[in-house]
C-alpha cells in the first residue's frame, strides 16, 4: 500500500510540476483572482483549458483522492485477511471521508 501511495504522490507532483512549467513557459497563467483548479467534470471533458492548467488540476485531484484510495485498499486487504472488524472500521472511515469531501464542496 505504501508503494501505491508513493507512486500516486509522485505522479501527482509530476503532473503539477509539468503543468506549472507549461503555463509558465507558454505564458498562459490564469489571472488572479481566478479559478484555482478545474472541476472534476471539466478535467474529464477537457473543456476549453490549457494543458498546463489541466495537468496541475489533475495532480491536485490525485492528491485529494489519495486518502480515500488508501482506506479503500486497506478495506480490501482486511477483507482478504478475513479481519471483518477492521473491514467495518475501514468502511466507517471511508464513509466519513466521502461525507467530508461532499460537505466541503458546498
Protein backbone atom coordinates (compact mmCIF):
# COMPACT_ATOMS: atom_id res chain seq x y z
CA UNK A 1 0.00 0.00 0.00
CA UNK A 2 2.91 2.33 0.70
CA UNK A 3 4.20 1.81 -2.85
CA UNK A 4 0.83 2.72 -4.33
CA UNK A 5 0.73 5.91 -2.26
CA UNK A 6 4.29 6.79 -3.24
CA UNK A 7 3.63 6.22 -6.94
CA UNK A 8 0.38 8.22 -6.91
CA UNK A 9 2.03 11.06 -4.96
CA UNK A 10 4.95 11.11 -7.39
CA UNK A 11 2.62 11.17 -10.42
CA UNK A 12 0.56 13.96 -8.84
CA UNK A 13 3.59 16.12 -8.08
CA UNK A 14 5.00 15.42 -11.53
CA UNK A 15 1.71 16.47 -13.15
CA UNK A 16 1.59 19.66 -11.10
CA UNK A 17 5.23 20.48 -11.87
CA UNK A 18 4.89 19.83 -15.60
CA UNK A 19 1.64 21.79 -15.69
CA UNK A 20 3.17 24.74 -13.86
CA UNK A 21 6.21 24.78 -16.10
CA UNK A 22 3.98 24.57 -19.16
CA UNK A 23 1.87 27.50 -18.08
CA UNK A 24 4.96 29.44 -17.05
CA UNK A 25 6.82 28.82 -20.33
CA UNK A 26 3.85 29.45 -22.62
CA UNK A 27 2.62 32.44 -20.61
CA UNK A 28 -0.90 31.15 -20.07
CA UNK A 29 -1.01 31.71 -16.32
CA UNK A 30 -4.57 32.39 -15.23
CA UNK A 31 -5.39 35.83 -13.92
CA UNK A 32 -5.66 36.28 -10.18
CA UNK A 33 -8.12 36.06 -8.61
CA UNK A 34 -9.39 33.27 -10.80
CA UNK A 35 -10.33 29.66 -10.83
CA UNK A 36 -7.79 27.82 -8.68
CA UNK A 37 -8.27 24.39 -10.21
CA UNK A 38 -10.57 22.75 -12.71
CA UNK A 39 -13.60 20.87 -11.51
CA UNK A 40 -13.55 17.08 -11.99
CA UNK A 41 -16.18 17.48 -14.73
CA UNK A 42 -14.00 19.92 -16.67
CA UNK A 43 -10.99 17.61 -16.17
CA UNK A 44 -12.82 14.74 -17.84
CA UNK A 45 -14.28 16.78 -20.70
CA UNK A 46 -11.11 18.83 -21.44
CA UNK A 47 -13.40 21.87 -21.66
CA UNK A 48 -11.50 24.82 -23.21
CA UNK A 49 -8.47 24.79 -20.94
CA UNK A 50 -4.75 24.85 -21.43
CA UNK A 51 -2.95 21.56 -20.93
CA UNK A 52 -0.88 23.11 -18.15
CA UNK A 53 -3.91 24.03 -16.07
CA UNK A 54 -5.38 20.60 -16.81
CA UNK A 55 -2.20 18.84 -15.60
CA UNK A 56 -2.00 20.93 -12.43
CA UNK A 57 -5.67 20.28 -11.65
CA UNK A 58 -5.27 16.53 -12.27
CA UNK A 59 -2.34 16.45 -9.85
CA UNK A 60 -4.32 18.28 -7.19
CA UNK A 61 -7.25 15.89 -7.65
CA UNK A 62 -4.95 12.85 -7.33
CA UNK A 63 -3.53 14.18 -4.07
CA UNK A 64 -7.01 14.96 -2.77
CA UNK A 65 -8.28 11.44 -3.53
CA UNK A 66 -5.22 9.65 -2.14
CA UNK A 67 -6.54 9.25 1.46
CA UNK A 68 -9.78 7.67 0.22
CA UNK A 69 -7.82 5.33 -2.06
CA UNK A 70 -5.58 4.26 0.83
CA UNK A 71 -8.60 3.48 3.01
CA UNK A 72 -10.22 1.53 0.15
CA UNK A 73 -7.05 -0.52 -0.35
CA UNK A 74 -6.88 -1.21 3.40
CA UNK A 75 -10.50 -2.42 3.36
CA UNK A 76 -9.70 -4.83 0.53
CA UNK A 77 -6.61 -6.08 2.37
CA UNK A 78 -8.57 -6.63 5.60
CA UNK A 79 -11.31 -8.42 3.68
CA UNK A 80 -8.82 -10.89 2.18
CA UNK A 81 -7.36 -11.45 5.67
CA UNK A 82 -10.91 -12.10 6.92
CA UNK A 83 -10.50 -9.36 9.54
CA UNK A 84 -14.08 -8.18 9.43
CA UNK A 85 -13.85 -5.83 12.41
CA UNK A 86 -11.21 -3.82 10.57
CA UNK A 87 -13.28 -4.02 7.37
CA UNK A 88 -16.19 -2.43 9.26
CA UNK A 89 -13.92 0.21 10.76
CA UNK A 90 -12.48 0.97 7.33
CA UNK A 91 -15.96 1.31 5.86
CA UNK A 92 -16.87 3.82 8.58
CA UNK A 93 -13.69 5.81 7.87
CA UNK A 94 -14.37 5.69 4.11
CA UNK A 95 -17.93 6.90 4.69
CA UNK A 96 -16.61 9.74 6.83
CA UNK A 97 -14.12 10.72 4.11
CA UNK A 98 -16.80 10.69 1.42
CA UNK A 99 -19.20 12.75 3.54
CA UNK A 100 -16.48 15.27 4.46
CA UNK A 101 -15.47 15.65 0.79
CA UNK A 102 -19.10 16.15 -0.20
CA UNK A 103 -19.79 18.63 2.59
CA UNK A 104 -16.59 20.54 1.87
CA UNK A 105 -17.75 21.14 -1.70
CA UNK A 106 -20.77 23.20 -0.61
